[in-house]
Structure formats: structure tokens, C-alpha cells
N, C-alpha and C. Protein backbone atom coordinates (compact mmCIF):
# COMPACT_ATOMS: atom_id res chain seq x y z
N UNK A 1 14.34 -10.69 6.57
CA UNK A 1 14.51 -10.11 5.25
C UNK A 1 13.32 -9.22 4.93
N UNK A 2 13.60 -7.98 4.56
CA UNK A 2 12.53 -7.03 4.25
C UNK A 2 11.67 -7.48 3.08
N UNK A 3 12.28 -8.12 2.09
CA UNK A 3 11.52 -8.56 0.93
C UNK A 3 10.35 -9.46 1.34
N UNK A 4 10.55 -10.27 2.37
CA UNK A 4 9.49 -11.19 2.80
C UNK A 4 8.22 -10.44 3.16
N UNK A 5 8.38 -9.30 3.82
CA UNK A 5 7.22 -8.50 4.22
C UNK A 5 6.49 -7.98 2.97
N UNK A 6 7.24 -7.50 1.98
CA UNK A 6 6.64 -6.97 0.76
C UNK A 6 6.00 -8.08 -0.07
N UNK A 7 6.65 -9.22 -0.11
CA UNK A 7 6.11 -10.37 -0.85
C UNK A 7 4.77 -10.79 -0.24
N UNK A 8 4.69 -10.77 1.08
CA UNK A 8 3.44 -11.14 1.76
C UNK A 8 2.31 -10.19 1.36
N UNK A 9 2.59 -8.89 1.35
CA UNK A 9 1.57 -7.90 0.96
C UNK A 9 1.13 -8.14 -0.49
N UNK A 10 2.09 -8.38 -1.37
CA UNK A 10 1.77 -8.61 -2.78
C UNK A 10 0.94 -9.88 -2.94
N UNK A 11 1.34 -10.94 -2.25
CA UNK A 11 0.61 -12.20 -2.32
C UNK A 11 -0.81 -12.03 -1.80
N UNK A 12 -0.95 -11.33 -0.69
CA UNK A 12 -2.28 -11.12 -0.11
C UNK A 12 -3.16 -10.22 -0.97
N UNK A 13 -2.56 -9.44 -1.86
CA UNK A 13 -3.36 -8.59 -2.75
C UNK A 13 -4.21 -9.43 -3.71
N UNK A 14 -3.82 -10.69 -3.92
CA UNK A 14 -4.59 -11.59 -4.78
C UNK A 14 -5.80 -12.17 -4.05
N UNK A 15 -5.85 -12.08 -2.72
CA UNK A 15 -6.97 -12.60 -1.94
C UNK A 15 -8.21 -11.75 -2.10
N UNK A 16 -9.33 -12.23 -1.62
CA UNK A 16 -10.60 -11.53 -1.85
C UNK A 16 -10.66 -10.15 -1.20
N UNK A 17 -9.86 -9.90 -0.17
CA UNK A 17 -9.84 -8.59 0.47
C UNK A 17 -8.68 -7.72 0.02
N UNK A 18 -7.88 -8.21 -0.93
CA UNK A 18 -6.76 -7.46 -1.45
C UNK A 18 -7.15 -6.67 -2.68
N UNK A 19 -6.22 -5.84 -3.15
CA UNK A 19 -6.50 -4.99 -4.31
C UNK A 19 -6.95 -5.81 -5.51
N UNK A 20 -6.21 -6.85 -5.84
CA UNK A 20 -6.53 -7.63 -7.04
C UNK A 20 -7.79 -8.47 -6.85
N UNK A 21 -8.02 -8.95 -5.64
CA UNK A 21 -9.24 -9.68 -5.34
C UNK A 21 -10.47 -8.80 -5.49
N UNK A 22 -10.38 -7.59 -4.99
CA UNK A 22 -11.51 -6.65 -5.12
C UNK A 22 -11.68 -6.23 -6.58
N UNK A 23 -10.56 -6.08 -7.29
CA UNK A 23 -10.63 -5.74 -8.71
C UNK A 23 -11.36 -6.83 -9.49
N UNK A 24 -11.14 -8.07 -9.08
CA UNK A 24 -11.82 -9.21 -9.70
C UNK A 24 -13.33 -9.06 -9.57
N UNK A 25 -13.77 -8.41 -8.48
CA UNK A 25 -15.20 -8.18 -8.25
C UNK A 25 -15.69 -6.85 -8.81
N UNK A 26 -14.82 -6.16 -9.57
CA UNK A 26 -15.22 -4.90 -10.18
C UNK A 26 -15.09 -3.70 -9.26
N UNK A 27 -14.31 -3.85 -8.18
CA UNK A 27 -14.14 -2.77 -7.20
C UNK A 27 -12.70 -2.27 -7.24
N UNK A 28 -12.54 -0.97 -7.47
CA UNK A 28 -11.21 -0.36 -7.43
C UNK A 28 -11.04 0.34 -6.09
N UNK A 29 -10.03 -0.10 -5.33
CA UNK A 29 -9.74 0.50 -4.03
C UNK A 29 -8.37 1.18 -4.12
N UNK A 30 -8.38 2.50 -4.14
CA UNK A 30 -7.15 3.28 -4.32
C UNK A 30 -6.13 3.01 -3.21
N UNK A 31 -6.60 2.89 -1.96
CA UNK A 31 -5.68 2.62 -0.85
C UNK A 31 -4.99 1.27 -1.00
N UNK A 32 -5.75 0.26 -1.41
CA UNK A 32 -5.14 -1.06 -1.62
C UNK A 32 -4.19 -1.04 -2.81
N UNK A 33 -4.54 -0.27 -3.84
CA UNK A 33 -3.62 -0.11 -4.97
C UNK A 33 -2.31 0.49 -4.49
N UNK A 34 -2.39 1.56 -3.71
CA UNK A 34 -1.19 2.23 -3.22
C UNK A 34 -0.32 1.29 -2.38
N UNK A 35 -0.96 0.46 -1.57
CA UNK A 35 -0.23 -0.51 -0.75
C UNK A 35 0.50 -1.53 -1.64
N UNK A 36 -0.18 -2.03 -2.65
CA UNK A 36 0.43 -2.99 -3.58
C UNK A 36 1.59 -2.35 -4.33
N UNK A 37 1.35 -1.18 -4.88
CA UNK A 37 2.37 -0.48 -5.67
C UNK A 37 3.60 -0.17 -4.82
N UNK A 38 3.40 0.31 -3.61
CA UNK A 38 4.52 0.62 -2.72
C UNK A 38 5.32 -0.64 -2.40
N UNK A 39 4.65 -1.75 -2.20
CA UNK A 39 5.34 -3.01 -1.89
C UNK A 39 6.17 -3.49 -3.08
N UNK A 40 5.63 -3.35 -4.28
CA UNK A 40 6.37 -3.74 -5.47
C UNK A 40 7.62 -2.86 -5.62
N UNK A 41 7.44 -1.56 -5.40
CA UNK A 41 8.58 -0.64 -5.52
C UNK A 41 9.68 -0.94 -4.50
N UNK A 42 9.32 -1.47 -3.35
CA UNK A 42 10.29 -1.73 -2.29
C UNK A 42 11.01 -3.06 -2.44
N UNK A 43 10.48 -3.95 -3.28
CA UNK A 43 11.17 -5.22 -3.53
C UNK A 43 12.53 -4.93 -4.16
N UNK A 44 13.54 -5.60 -3.67
CA UNK A 44 14.87 -5.36 -4.21
C UNK A 44 15.66 -6.66 -4.29
N UNK A 45 16.24 -6.89 -5.45
CA UNK A 45 17.13 -8.03 -5.66
C UNK A 45 18.42 -7.50 -6.28
N UNK A 46 19.52 -8.02 -5.80
CA UNK A 46 20.82 -7.61 -6.33
C UNK A 46 21.01 -8.16 -7.73
N UNK A 47 21.82 -7.47 -8.51
CA UNK A 47 22.16 -7.92 -9.86
C UNK A 47 22.69 -9.36 -9.78
N UNK A 48 22.12 -10.24 -10.56
CA UNK A 48 22.56 -11.63 -10.60
C UNK A 48 21.91 -12.51 -9.55
N UNK A 49 21.19 -11.93 -8.60
CA UNK A 49 20.51 -12.71 -7.57
C UNK A 49 19.32 -13.44 -8.19
N UNK A 50 19.13 -14.66 -7.80
CA UNK A 50 18.02 -15.44 -8.32
C UNK A 50 16.73 -15.01 -7.61
N UNK A 51 15.73 -14.67 -8.39
CA UNK A 51 14.43 -14.28 -7.85
C UNK A 51 13.62 -15.55 -7.65
N UNK A 52 13.13 -15.77 -6.43
CA UNK A 52 12.37 -16.99 -6.16
C UNK A 52 11.16 -17.14 -7.08
N UNK A 53 10.88 -18.36 -7.44
CA UNK A 53 9.78 -18.68 -8.36
C UNK A 53 8.44 -18.16 -7.84
N UNK A 54 8.21 -18.26 -6.53
CA UNK A 54 6.92 -17.79 -5.98
C UNK A 54 6.76 -16.29 -6.16
N UNK A 55 7.86 -15.54 -6.13
CA UNK A 55 7.80 -14.09 -6.33
C UNK A 55 7.43 -13.79 -7.79
N UNK A 56 8.07 -14.48 -8.70
CA UNK A 56 7.75 -14.30 -10.12
C UNK A 56 6.28 -14.64 -10.35
N UNK A 57 5.82 -15.71 -9.70
CA UNK A 57 4.44 -16.15 -9.86
C UNK A 57 3.41 -15.13 -9.43
N UNK A 58 3.69 -14.39 -8.36
CA UNK A 58 2.69 -13.42 -7.89
C UNK A 58 2.82 -12.07 -8.59
N UNK A 59 3.93 -11.85 -9.29
CA UNK A 59 4.15 -10.55 -9.95
C UNK A 59 3.76 -10.51 -11.42
N UNK A 60 4.18 -11.49 -12.20
CA UNK A 60 4.18 -11.36 -13.65
C UNK A 60 2.81 -11.11 -14.27
N UNK A 61 1.75 -11.62 -13.64
CA UNK A 61 0.42 -11.53 -14.25
C UNK A 61 -0.34 -10.27 -13.84
N UNK A 62 0.16 -9.52 -12.87
CA UNK A 62 -0.58 -8.35 -12.36
C UNK A 62 -0.96 -7.36 -13.47
N UNK A 63 -0.03 -6.90 -14.32
CA UNK A 63 -0.43 -5.93 -15.36
C UNK A 63 -1.49 -6.47 -16.32
N UNK A 64 -1.35 -7.72 -16.73
CA UNK A 64 -2.32 -8.33 -17.64
C UNK A 64 -3.67 -8.45 -16.96
N UNK A 65 -3.66 -8.87 -15.71
CA UNK A 65 -4.90 -9.00 -14.94
C UNK A 65 -5.60 -7.65 -14.83
N UNK A 66 -4.84 -6.61 -14.50
CA UNK A 66 -5.43 -5.28 -14.39
C UNK A 66 -6.02 -4.84 -15.72
N UNK A 67 -5.32 -5.09 -16.81
CA UNK A 67 -5.82 -4.73 -18.14
C UNK A 67 -7.15 -5.42 -18.43
N UNK A 68 -7.22 -6.69 -18.10
CA UNK A 68 -8.43 -7.45 -18.37
C UNK A 68 -9.61 -7.03 -17.49
N UNK A 69 -9.33 -6.59 -16.29
CA UNK A 69 -10.40 -6.23 -15.36
C UNK A 69 -10.95 -4.82 -15.61
N UNK A 70 -10.23 -4.02 -16.37
CA UNK A 70 -10.62 -2.63 -16.60
C UNK A 70 -12.05 -2.49 -17.09
N UNK A 71 -12.46 -3.36 -17.97
CA UNK A 71 -13.80 -3.25 -18.57
C UNK A 71 -14.93 -3.46 -17.56
N UNK A 72 -14.61 -4.04 -16.40
CA UNK A 72 -15.63 -4.30 -15.38
C UNK A 72 -15.73 -3.19 -14.35
N UNK A 73 -14.90 -2.17 -14.47
CA UNK A 73 -14.92 -1.05 -13.53
C UNK A 73 -15.84 0.04 -14.06
N UNK A 74 -16.88 0.34 -13.32
CA UNK A 74 -17.85 1.33 -13.77
C UNK A 74 -17.55 2.73 -13.25
N UNK A 75 -17.10 2.84 -12.03
CA UNK A 75 -16.94 4.15 -11.39
C UNK A 75 -15.48 4.59 -11.33
N UNK A 76 -14.70 4.20 -12.32
CA UNK A 76 -13.27 4.51 -12.32
C UNK A 76 -12.88 5.16 -13.64
N UNK A 77 -12.06 6.19 -13.56
CA UNK A 77 -11.53 6.86 -14.74
C UNK A 77 -10.60 5.86 -15.44
N UNK A 78 -10.97 5.41 -16.61
CA UNK A 78 -10.22 4.37 -17.33
C UNK A 78 -8.82 4.84 -17.71
N UNK A 79 -8.67 6.11 -18.08
CA UNK A 79 -7.34 6.62 -18.43
C UNK A 79 -6.42 6.65 -17.22
N UNK A 80 -6.95 7.07 -16.09
CA UNK A 80 -6.17 7.09 -14.85
C UNK A 80 -5.80 5.67 -14.44
N UNK A 81 -6.75 4.75 -14.62
CA UNK A 81 -6.49 3.35 -14.29
C UNK A 81 -5.38 2.79 -15.18
N UNK A 82 -5.41 3.10 -16.47
CA UNK A 82 -4.35 2.65 -17.39
C UNK A 82 -2.99 3.19 -16.95
N UNK A 83 -2.97 4.42 -16.52
CA UNK A 83 -1.72 5.02 -16.05
C UNK A 83 -1.19 4.29 -14.81
N UNK A 84 -2.08 3.95 -13.90
CA UNK A 84 -1.67 3.20 -12.70
C UNK A 84 -1.15 1.82 -13.08
N UNK A 85 -1.84 1.18 -14.04
CA UNK A 85 -1.40 -0.14 -14.49
C UNK A 85 -0.01 -0.05 -15.11
N UNK A 86 0.25 1.01 -15.86
CA UNK A 86 1.57 1.19 -16.46
C UNK A 86 2.64 1.41 -15.40
N UNK A 87 2.31 2.11 -14.33
CA UNK A 87 3.26 2.28 -13.22
C UNK A 87 3.61 0.93 -12.59
N UNK A 88 2.58 0.12 -12.40
CA UNK A 88 2.80 -1.23 -11.85
C UNK A 88 3.68 -2.04 -12.81
N UNK A 89 3.36 -1.98 -14.09
CA UNK A 89 4.12 -2.72 -15.10
C UNK A 89 5.59 -2.30 -15.10
N UNK A 90 5.84 -1.01 -15.03
CA UNK A 90 7.22 -0.51 -14.99
C UNK A 90 7.95 -0.97 -13.73
N UNK A 91 7.25 -0.96 -12.61
CA UNK A 91 7.87 -1.39 -11.35
C UNK A 91 8.23 -2.87 -11.41
N UNK A 92 7.34 -3.67 -11.97
CA UNK A 92 7.60 -5.12 -12.09
C UNK A 92 8.74 -5.36 -13.08
N UNK A 93 8.75 -4.63 -14.17
CA UNK A 93 9.85 -4.76 -15.15
C UNK A 93 11.18 -4.40 -14.51
N UNK A 94 11.17 -3.47 -13.56
CA UNK A 94 12.39 -3.12 -12.86
C UNK A 94 12.93 -4.28 -12.01
N UNK A 95 12.06 -5.19 -11.65
CA UNK A 95 12.45 -6.37 -10.87
C UNK A 95 12.79 -7.54 -11.79
N UNK A 96 11.88 -7.84 -12.71
CA UNK A 96 12.02 -9.03 -13.56
C UNK A 96 12.83 -8.76 -14.82
N UNK A 97 12.85 -7.50 -15.26
CA UNK A 97 13.54 -7.16 -16.50
C UNK A 97 12.64 -7.35 -17.70
N UNK A 98 13.13 -6.91 -18.83
CA UNK A 98 12.42 -7.06 -20.10
C UNK A 98 13.10 -8.16 -20.91
N UNK A 99 12.33 -8.84 -21.77
CA UNK A 99 12.97 -9.87 -22.63
C UNK A 99 13.89 -9.24 -23.65
């Protein structure tokens, strides 16, 4: 299943060498961001298909986490970062939906 490959990339982004792990340390890595964003965009679930709990767990907090980490980034354009976070948020909403 292709989704498994994308889920693995997203999950690993939370590790210390992943985009979100590095963001936790105040480091913005554009290449790792692109890898995470591309993986989120490639995730696909059919209408009515149940999304596994572990997938929801690794996705739902990403936009909030990025928002909170923004203040620790010194060498990053904050407006551009906000725009990237919004792209991530929209991609995740396309998977999980809006309330």
C-alpha cells in the first residue's frame, strides 16, 4: 500500500532528524519540509474509508506544533513560514476534514 510509505515519512518527521524534530530544536530545513508536505499531499483515503488512528495521531498536531515553534526560529521569514504552515494545514484538512 502506497499510503504506508507516506505514513512512514510523516511519522519519521517527528524524530530528531525529521522536519518536526529539527523544528523543535529551532532549525527550519526546507528540504525536510518539502518531503513532509509532499507525503501529506500523497496520502489518499476513499470517501467513507476509516482512517487509522495512528495516522490521525501523527497528522492532527502538525499545524499547531508548527505555529508554536515559529517563535524559536531566528533565521526564517515568519510570513513565509506561516504560509507553509497553512499549506500543511490545508493538506491535512483534505484528509481529515473540517468539523
